Structures are given as C-alpha cells and as structure tokens.
Amino acid sequence: MKERKYETMLAQLEGLTAGETNQMSVLANVSALMRDTMGERYFWVGFYLVEGDQLVLGPFQGSVACYRIGRGRGVCGTAWVQARTQVVPDVEQFAGHIACSSLSRSEIVVPLIDGGGTVRGVLDIDSTELAQFDDTDAHYLEQAARIIAGALWP
C-alpha cells in the first residue's frame, strides 16, 4: 500500500517538475503533493535550503517550523554534512535533535544533491508517530529528491 502511494507520487512528481525551474514554485507544489499523497502519515513535510553555513526554511506543509538550522545541527544539518538520508525512529533519541514542534516523534531527512554533487538543501518529513519511516520510505524519497534536484539544479 505504502509503495503504491509512493509510485503514484513519483509519477506525479515527474509531471509536476517537468519544464519548471522556479525553485520556490516547484518546492511549494512538491510539498503539497507529498502531504496530499501521504495524508496524516506526514505531520510536516518541507524543505530547508542551503544559504552559507545554514539551512533556511523553504516551502512546507504543516505547522510552524524553525527558520534556520546550523550546519551539522539536528537531523537536517546532519543529513546536509553527511550528504546521506537520515531515518530517525525516535527524535528524542537523536543527539542534538532540534525540536521545532513537540508533536514530532519520528523523522526522515533526505539531501537534495545537484548535478555536481553539492547538497543544495534537504527534504524534511516528520511524523507524530514513533518509527514511522523505514528503508522503503528512504528508497522512494531518495528517488523524489533526485527528481527535484534534477529539475532545479541539473
């Protein structure tokens, strides 16, 4: 069931990003698509974009969020510096977790890597449930991140 939702989302994502290069427009529509597709499974879905030595809040769907995250700080900052997806079953157990919302219990963060191998931002998804994300989520969300980054930063 989860796989089918992701496959549908990826097909829609291909169409949604085709030919559009405006970063904010693409990221706004992608966050809406992901939230609509996955429903309440995603409490928060959005993007943080690299600006200097910080990640800065970009388009998102969900409750208010942190504006800025330092390089290497929290789950998002870790995904950025390691250029690797972070799957966190319990955010309370992640050293240095930044609690933008007390409702967030688990999280997955996927780096957005441009054609030259530079991390340009991260896709951040939170859930109110523990252990909501796994290798299946990582697999499909990494594909989504490649589509997004390929459209915006080939």
N, C-alpha and C. Protein backbone atom coordinates (compact mmCIF):
# COMPACT_ATOMS: atom_id res chain seq x y z
N MET A 1 0.83 -1.20 0.00
CA MET A 1 0.00 0.00 0.00
C MET A 1 0.88 1.27 0.00
N LYS A 2 1.84 1.32 0.93
CA LYS A 2 2.74 2.47 1.00
C LYS A 2 3.52 2.61 -0.30
N GLU A 3 4.00 1.49 -0.84
CA GLU A 3 4.77 1.51 -2.08
C GLU A 3 3.93 2.07 -3.22
N ARG A 4 2.66 1.68 -3.30
CA ARG A 4 1.78 2.16 -4.36
C ARG A 4 1.59 3.67 -4.27
N LYS A 5 1.44 4.18 -3.05
CA LYS A 5 1.30 5.63 -2.88
C LYS A 5 2.57 6.35 -3.35
N TYR A 6 3.71 5.80 -2.99
CA TYR A 6 4.97 6.41 -3.42
C TYR A 6 5.13 6.37 -4.94
N GLU A 7 4.78 5.26 -5.56
CA GLU A 7 4.90 5.15 -7.01
C GLU A 7 4.00 6.16 -7.71
N THR A 8 2.79 6.33 -7.20
CA THR A 8 1.87 7.34 -7.75
C THR A 8 2.45 8.73 -7.56
N MET A 9 2.98 8.99 -6.37
CA MET A 9 3.57 10.29 -6.08
C MET A 9 4.75 10.59 -7.01
N LEU A 10 5.61 9.60 -7.24
CA LEU A 10 6.77 9.82 -8.11
C LEU A 10 6.33 10.13 -9.54
N ALA A 11 5.32 9.44 -10.03
CA ALA A 11 4.81 9.72 -11.38
C ALA A 11 4.27 11.15 -11.46
N GLN A 12 3.54 11.57 -10.45
CA GLN A 12 3.01 12.92 -10.43
C GLN A 12 4.14 13.94 -10.30
N LEU A 13 5.15 13.60 -9.53
CA LEU A 13 6.28 14.49 -9.31
C LEU A 13 7.03 14.75 -10.62
N GLU A 14 7.19 13.72 -11.43
CA GLU A 14 7.84 13.88 -12.73
C GLU A 14 7.11 14.92 -13.56
N GLY A 15 5.78 14.81 -13.62
CA GLY A 15 4.99 15.76 -14.39
C GLY A 15 4.99 17.15 -13.79
N LEU A 16 4.96 17.22 -12.48
CA LEU A 16 4.91 18.50 -11.78
C LEU A 16 6.18 19.32 -11.95
N THR A 17 7.31 18.64 -12.05
CA THR A 17 8.59 19.35 -12.14
C THR A 17 9.07 19.55 -13.57
N ALA A 18 8.46 18.87 -14.52
CA ALA A 18 8.91 18.94 -15.92
C ALA A 18 8.77 20.36 -16.46
N GLY A 19 9.89 20.91 -16.88
CA GLY A 19 9.88 22.21 -17.53
C GLY A 19 9.78 23.42 -16.62
N GLU A 20 9.66 23.22 -15.33
CA GLU A 20 9.56 24.37 -14.40
C GLU A 20 10.88 24.49 -13.64
N THR A 21 11.43 25.71 -13.61
CA THR A 21 12.72 25.91 -12.95
C THR A 21 12.65 26.87 -11.77
N ASN A 22 11.49 27.46 -11.50
CA ASN A 22 11.39 28.37 -10.35
C ASN A 22 11.43 27.55 -9.07
N GLN A 23 12.48 27.75 -8.31
CA GLN A 23 12.74 26.96 -7.12
C GLN A 23 11.58 26.98 -6.12
N MET A 24 11.11 28.16 -5.76
CA MET A 24 10.05 28.25 -4.75
C MET A 24 8.75 27.63 -5.23
N SER A 25 8.42 27.84 -6.49
CA SER A 25 7.20 27.27 -7.04
C SER A 25 7.24 25.74 -7.03
N VAL A 26 8.35 25.20 -7.50
CA VAL A 26 8.49 23.74 -7.53
C VAL A 26 8.41 23.17 -6.12
N LEU A 27 9.18 23.73 -5.19
CA LEU A 27 9.21 23.19 -3.83
C LEU A 27 7.87 23.34 -3.12
N ALA A 28 7.16 24.42 -3.39
CA ALA A 28 5.83 24.61 -2.79
C ALA A 28 4.86 23.54 -3.29
N ASN A 29 4.84 23.33 -4.60
CA ASN A 29 3.93 22.32 -5.15
C ASN A 29 4.33 20.91 -4.73
N VAL A 30 5.62 20.64 -4.67
CA VAL A 30 6.08 19.30 -4.27
C VAL A 30 5.68 19.02 -2.82
N SER A 31 5.85 19.98 -1.92
CA SER A 31 5.47 19.74 -0.52
C SER A 31 3.97 19.49 -0.42
N ALA A 32 3.16 20.21 -1.21
CA ALA A 32 1.71 19.99 -1.21
C ALA A 32 1.38 18.60 -1.76
N LEU A 33 2.05 18.22 -2.85
CA LEU A 33 1.83 16.89 -3.43
C LEU A 33 2.13 15.79 -2.42
N MET A 34 3.27 15.91 -1.75
CA MET A 34 3.67 14.88 -0.80
C MET A 34 2.70 14.80 0.37
N ARG A 35 2.30 15.92 0.90
CA ARG A 35 1.36 15.93 2.03
C ARG A 35 0.01 15.37 1.59
N ASP A 36 -0.46 15.76 0.42
CA ASP A 36 -1.74 15.24 -0.08
C ASP A 36 -1.69 13.74 -0.32
N THR A 37 -0.59 13.28 -0.89
CA THR A 37 -0.46 11.86 -1.22
C THR A 37 -0.37 10.99 0.03
N MET A 38 0.43 11.42 0.99
CA MET A 38 0.68 10.58 2.16
C MET A 38 -0.25 10.87 3.33
N GLY A 39 -1.02 11.94 3.24
CA GLY A 39 -2.02 12.24 4.26
C GLY A 39 -1.44 12.44 5.64
N GLU A 40 -2.12 11.94 6.62
CA GLU A 40 -1.73 12.17 8.01
C GLU A 40 -0.46 11.43 8.39
N ARG A 41 0.00 10.54 7.53
CA ARG A 41 1.27 9.86 7.79
C ARG A 41 2.40 10.88 7.90
N TYR A 42 2.27 11.99 7.15
CA TYR A 42 3.23 13.09 7.21
C TYR A 42 2.63 14.22 8.02
N PHE A 43 3.15 14.45 9.21
CA PHE A 43 2.71 15.58 10.03
C PHE A 43 3.25 16.89 9.45
N TRP A 44 4.47 16.83 8.97
CA TRP A 44 5.14 18.02 8.41
C TRP A 44 6.00 17.57 7.25
N VAL A 45 5.94 18.28 6.14
CA VAL A 45 6.81 17.99 5.00
C VAL A 45 7.24 19.31 4.39
N GLY A 46 8.54 19.44 4.17
CA GLY A 46 9.03 20.68 3.60
C GLY A 46 10.51 20.64 3.30
N PHE A 47 11.01 21.81 2.99
CA PHE A 47 12.38 21.93 2.52
C PHE A 47 13.15 22.97 3.33
N TYR A 48 14.42 22.69 3.53
CA TYR A 48 15.38 23.66 4.04
C TYR A 48 16.45 23.78 2.97
N LEU A 49 16.82 25.02 2.65
CA LEU A 49 17.77 25.28 1.58
C LEU A 49 19.07 25.86 2.12
N VAL A 50 20.18 25.45 1.54
CA VAL A 50 21.49 25.91 1.97
C VAL A 50 21.67 27.38 1.62
N GLU A 51 22.02 28.17 2.64
CA GLU A 51 22.44 29.57 2.47
C GLU A 51 23.64 29.77 3.37
N GLY A 52 24.81 29.82 2.76
CA GLY A 52 26.03 29.97 3.54
C GLY A 52 26.25 28.76 4.43
N ASP A 53 26.34 29.00 5.74
CA ASP A 53 26.58 27.90 6.69
C ASP A 53 25.31 27.50 7.43
N GLN A 54 24.16 27.80 6.83
CA GLN A 54 22.88 27.45 7.46
C GLN A 54 21.92 26.86 6.44
N LEU A 55 20.96 26.10 6.97
CA LEU A 55 19.80 25.69 6.21
C LEU A 55 18.69 26.68 6.56
N VAL A 56 18.03 27.22 5.55
CA VAL A 56 16.98 28.21 5.76
C VAL A 56 15.65 27.61 5.31
N LEU A 57 14.63 27.82 6.10
CA LEU A 57 13.30 27.28 5.84
C LEU A 57 12.81 27.69 4.46
N GLY A 58 12.34 26.71 3.71
CA GLY A 58 11.73 26.93 2.41
C GLY A 58 10.26 26.54 2.46
N PRO A 59 9.66 26.29 1.31
CA PRO A 59 8.25 25.90 1.27
C PRO A 59 7.98 24.63 2.07
N PHE A 60 6.81 24.60 2.71
CA PHE A 60 6.45 23.44 3.52
C PHE A 60 4.94 23.35 3.68
N GLN A 61 4.50 22.20 4.19
CA GLN A 61 3.11 21.96 4.57
C GLN A 61 3.14 21.46 6.01
N GLY A 62 2.40 22.11 6.88
CA GLY A 62 2.35 21.70 8.28
C GLY A 62 2.40 22.89 9.19
N SER A 63 2.67 22.63 10.45
CA SER A 63 2.71 23.69 11.45
C SER A 63 3.99 24.51 11.34
N VAL A 64 4.06 25.60 12.09
CA VAL A 64 5.23 26.48 12.03
C VAL A 64 6.51 25.69 12.30
N ALA A 65 7.62 26.21 11.76
CA ALA A 65 8.88 25.47 11.82
C ALA A 65 10.03 26.41 12.16
N CYS A 66 11.17 25.83 12.45
CA CYS A 66 12.38 26.60 12.70
C CYS A 66 12.78 27.34 11.42
N TYR A 67 13.24 28.58 11.57
CA TYR A 67 13.67 29.35 10.41
C TYR A 67 15.03 28.91 9.89
N ARG A 68 15.97 28.68 10.81
CA ARG A 68 17.35 28.39 10.41
C ARG A 68 17.91 27.24 11.23
N ILE A 69 18.72 26.43 10.56
CA ILE A 69 19.38 25.30 11.21
C ILE A 69 20.85 25.36 10.83
N GLY A 70 21.72 25.34 11.81
CA GLY A 70 23.15 25.41 11.56
C GLY A 70 23.71 24.15 10.92
N ARG A 71 24.78 24.33 10.19
CA ARG A 71 25.47 23.21 9.53
C ARG A 71 25.83 22.15 10.57
N GLY A 72 25.39 20.93 10.32
CA GLY A 72 25.70 19.81 11.21
C GLY A 72 24.81 19.71 12.44
N ARG A 73 23.85 20.61 12.60
CA ARG A 73 22.97 20.58 13.77
C ARG A 73 21.68 19.84 13.47
N GLY A 74 21.23 19.05 14.43
CA GLY A 74 19.97 18.33 14.29
C GLY A 74 20.00 17.32 13.15
N VAL A 75 18.83 16.77 12.87
CA VAL A 75 18.72 15.76 11.82
C VAL A 75 18.97 16.38 10.45
N CYS A 76 18.40 17.56 10.21
CA CYS A 76 18.58 18.22 8.90
C CYS A 76 20.03 18.59 8.66
N GLY A 77 20.68 19.19 9.63
CA GLY A 77 22.07 19.58 9.49
C GLY A 77 22.99 18.39 9.32
N THR A 78 22.64 17.27 9.96
CA THR A 78 23.43 16.04 9.82
C THR A 78 23.29 15.48 8.41
N ALA A 79 22.05 15.45 7.89
CA ALA A 79 21.84 14.97 6.52
C ALA A 79 22.63 15.82 5.53
N TRP A 80 22.68 17.12 5.80
CA TRP A 80 23.41 18.04 4.93
C TRP A 80 24.91 17.72 4.92
N VAL A 81 25.55 17.68 6.08
CA VAL A 81 27.00 17.48 6.11
C VAL A 81 27.41 16.07 5.69
N GLN A 82 26.57 15.09 5.97
CA GLN A 82 26.91 13.71 5.58
C GLN A 82 26.46 13.39 4.15
N ALA A 83 25.62 14.26 3.58
CA ALA A 83 25.05 14.02 2.24
C ALA A 83 24.42 12.64 2.17
N ARG A 84 23.70 12.31 3.25
CA ARG A 84 23.10 10.98 3.37
C ARG A 84 21.77 11.07 4.09
N THR A 85 20.82 10.26 3.65
CA THR A 85 19.50 10.22 4.26
C THR A 85 19.60 9.81 5.72
N GLN A 86 18.82 10.49 6.55
CA GLN A 86 18.75 10.18 7.98
C GLN A 86 17.35 9.68 8.30
N VAL A 87 17.25 8.46 8.81
CA VAL A 87 15.97 7.90 9.25
C VAL A 87 16.04 7.82 10.77
N VAL A 88 15.15 8.56 11.43
CA VAL A 88 15.19 8.65 12.89
C VAL A 88 13.87 8.12 13.46
N PRO A 89 13.89 6.91 14.04
CA PRO A 89 12.66 6.32 14.57
C PRO A 89 12.08 7.05 15.79
N ASP A 90 12.98 7.67 16.58
CA ASP A 90 12.55 8.39 17.78
C ASP A 90 13.44 9.63 17.92
N VAL A 91 12.88 10.79 17.63
CA VAL A 91 13.68 12.01 17.64
C VAL A 91 14.26 12.31 19.01
N GLU A 92 13.62 11.81 20.06
CA GLU A 92 14.14 12.03 21.42
C GLU A 92 15.48 11.33 21.63
N GLN A 93 15.75 10.31 20.82
CA GLN A 93 16.99 9.55 20.95
C GLN A 93 18.10 10.05 20.02
N PHE A 94 17.80 11.07 19.21
CA PHE A 94 18.80 11.60 18.29
C PHE A 94 19.56 12.72 18.99
N ALA A 95 20.86 12.51 19.20
CA ALA A 95 21.67 13.52 19.88
C ALA A 95 21.65 14.83 19.11
N GLY A 96 21.29 15.90 19.78
CA GLY A 96 21.26 17.21 19.16
C GLY A 96 20.01 17.53 18.38
N HIS A 97 18.98 16.69 18.52
CA HIS A 97 17.72 16.95 17.80
C HIS A 97 17.20 18.34 18.13
N ILE A 98 16.74 19.04 17.10
CA ILE A 98 16.16 20.37 17.28
C ILE A 98 14.65 20.21 17.26
N ALA A 99 14.01 20.52 18.36
CA ALA A 99 12.56 20.34 18.48
C ALA A 99 11.83 21.58 17.99
N CYS A 100 11.53 21.61 16.70
CA CYS A 100 10.74 22.72 16.15
C CYS A 100 9.28 22.57 16.56
N SER A 101 8.83 21.33 16.77
CA SER A 101 7.49 21.05 17.24
C SER A 101 7.55 19.89 18.23
N SER A 102 6.89 20.04 19.35
CA SER A 102 6.86 18.96 20.34
C SER A 102 6.03 17.77 19.87
N LEU A 103 5.27 17.94 18.80
CA LEU A 103 4.43 16.85 18.28
C LEU A 103 5.22 15.87 17.41
N SER A 104 6.38 16.28 16.93
CA SER A 104 7.19 15.42 16.07
C SER A 104 7.81 14.30 16.90
N ARG A 105 7.62 13.05 16.43
CA ARG A 105 8.15 11.88 17.15
C ARG A 105 9.18 11.10 16.34
N SER A 106 9.01 11.08 15.00
CA SER A 106 10.00 10.43 14.13
C SER A 106 10.19 11.30 12.90
N GLU A 107 11.30 11.06 12.20
CA GLU A 107 11.67 11.98 11.12
C GLU A 107 12.53 11.26 10.08
N ILE A 108 12.41 11.74 8.84
CA ILE A 108 13.31 11.32 7.78
C ILE A 108 13.74 12.59 7.04
N VAL A 109 15.03 12.68 6.77
CA VAL A 109 15.58 13.84 6.06
C VAL A 109 16.45 13.32 4.92
N VAL A 110 16.16 13.83 3.71
CA VAL A 110 16.85 13.39 2.50
C VAL A 110 17.55 14.60 1.87
N PRO A 111 18.86 14.50 1.63
CA PRO A 111 19.56 15.62 0.99
C PRO A 111 19.15 15.79 -0.47
N LEU A 112 19.14 17.04 -0.91
CA LEU A 112 18.90 17.39 -2.32
C LEU A 112 20.26 17.72 -2.92
N ILE A 113 20.74 16.87 -3.80
CA ILE A 113 22.11 16.98 -4.31
C ILE A 113 22.07 17.37 -5.79
N ASP A 114 22.79 18.44 -6.13
CA ASP A 114 22.79 18.92 -7.51
C ASP A 114 23.66 18.04 -8.41
N GLY A 115 23.67 18.36 -9.71
CA GLY A 115 24.41 17.57 -10.69
C GLY A 115 25.91 17.52 -10.45
N GLY A 116 26.43 18.47 -9.67
CA GLY A 116 27.86 18.47 -9.36
C GLY A 116 28.21 17.81 -8.04
N GLY A 117 27.20 17.26 -7.35
CA GLY A 117 27.43 16.55 -6.09
C GLY A 117 27.35 17.42 -4.84
N THR A 118 26.88 18.66 -4.99
CA THR A 118 26.77 19.57 -3.85
C THR A 118 25.36 19.50 -3.26
N VAL A 119 25.27 19.41 -1.94
CA VAL A 119 23.97 19.42 -1.28
C VAL A 119 23.43 20.84 -1.34
N ARG A 120 22.27 21.01 -1.94
CA ARG A 120 21.63 22.32 -2.10
C ARG A 120 20.54 22.56 -1.07
N GLY A 121 20.09 21.50 -0.41
CA GLY A 121 19.05 21.61 0.60
C GLY A 121 18.67 20.22 1.08
N VAL A 122 17.61 20.17 1.87
CA VAL A 122 17.12 18.87 2.36
C VAL A 122 15.61 18.84 2.30
N LEU A 123 15.08 17.65 2.09
CA LEU A 123 13.66 17.34 2.21
C LEU A 123 13.48 16.78 3.61
N ASP A 124 12.63 17.42 4.40
CA ASP A 124 12.43 17.05 5.81
C ASP A 124 10.98 16.62 5.99
N ILE A 125 10.78 15.43 6.56
CA ILE A 125 9.43 14.93 6.81
C ILE A 125 9.36 14.42 8.24
N ASP A 126 8.33 14.88 8.96
CA ASP A 126 8.12 14.49 10.35
C ASP A 126 6.80 13.75 10.50
N SER A 127 6.73 12.90 11.52
CA SER A 127 5.51 12.20 11.87
C SER A 127 5.24 12.36 13.37
N THR A 128 3.98 12.28 13.74
CA THR A 128 3.61 12.31 15.16
C THR A 128 3.70 10.91 15.77
N GLU A 129 4.01 9.91 14.95
CA GLU A 129 4.12 8.52 15.41
C GLU A 129 5.59 8.11 15.47
N LEU A 130 5.92 7.28 16.43
CA LEU A 130 7.27 6.71 16.51
C LEU A 130 7.50 5.74 15.36
N ALA A 131 8.75 5.64 14.92
CA ALA A 131 9.19 4.65 13.92
C ALA A 131 8.29 4.64 12.68
N GLN A 132 7.92 5.80 12.20
CA GLN A 132 7.04 5.91 11.04
C GLN A 132 7.77 5.68 9.73
N PHE A 133 9.09 5.88 9.70
CA PHE A 133 9.85 5.82 8.46
C PHE A 133 10.84 4.66 8.48
N ASP A 134 11.05 4.08 7.30
CA ASP A 134 11.94 2.92 7.20
C ASP A 134 12.69 2.96 5.87
N ASP A 135 13.34 1.84 5.51
CA ASP A 135 14.11 1.78 4.28
C ASP A 135 13.25 1.99 3.03
N THR A 136 12.00 1.56 3.08
CA THR A 136 11.10 1.76 1.95
C THR A 136 10.87 3.25 1.72
N ASP A 137 10.60 3.99 2.80
CA ASP A 137 10.43 5.44 2.69
C ASP A 137 11.70 6.07 2.14
N ALA A 138 12.85 5.67 2.66
CA ALA A 138 14.12 6.22 2.20
C ALA A 138 14.31 5.96 0.71
N HIS A 139 14.02 4.76 0.27
CA HIS A 139 14.18 4.40 -1.14
C HIS A 139 13.37 5.33 -2.04
N TYR A 140 12.11 5.48 -1.75
CA TYR A 140 11.24 6.30 -2.60
C TYR A 140 11.52 7.80 -2.45
N LEU A 141 11.81 8.24 -1.26
CA LEU A 141 12.07 9.67 -1.06
C LEU A 141 13.42 10.07 -1.66
N GLU A 142 14.37 9.17 -1.71
CA GLU A 142 15.63 9.46 -2.39
C GLU A 142 15.39 9.60 -3.90
N GLN A 143 14.50 8.80 -4.45
CA GLN A 143 14.13 8.96 -5.86
C GLN A 143 13.47 10.33 -6.07
N ALA A 144 12.58 10.70 -5.16
CA ALA A 144 11.91 12.00 -5.25
C ALA A 144 12.94 13.12 -5.19
N ALA A 145 13.91 13.00 -4.29
CA ALA A 145 14.94 14.04 -4.15
C ALA A 145 15.76 14.17 -5.44
N ARG A 146 16.04 13.05 -6.10
CA ARG A 146 16.78 13.11 -7.37
C ARG A 146 15.97 13.82 -8.45
N ILE A 147 14.67 13.57 -8.49
CA ILE A 147 13.80 14.24 -9.47
C ILE A 147 13.77 15.74 -9.20
N ILE A 148 13.60 16.12 -7.95
CA ILE A 148 13.53 17.53 -7.57
C ILE A 148 14.84 18.23 -7.89
N ALA A 149 15.94 17.66 -7.41
CA ALA A 149 17.26 18.28 -7.64
C ALA A 149 17.59 18.33 -9.13
N GLY A 150 17.21 17.30 -9.87
CA GLY A 150 17.48 17.29 -11.30
C GLY A 150 16.72 18.39 -12.04
N ALA A 151 15.53 18.71 -11.55
CA ALA A 151 14.74 19.78 -12.16
C ALA A 151 15.29 21.15 -11.84
N LEU A 152 15.76 21.32 -10.61
CA LEU A 152 16.17 22.64 -10.13
C LEU A 152 17.67 22.93 -10.28
N TRP A 153 18.50 21.91 -10.12
CA TRP A 153 19.95 22.10 -10.14
C TRP A 153 20.62 21.00 -10.95
N PRO A 154 20.37 20.94 -12.24
CA PRO A 154 20.91 19.82 -13.04
C PRO A 154 22.44 19.79 -13.06
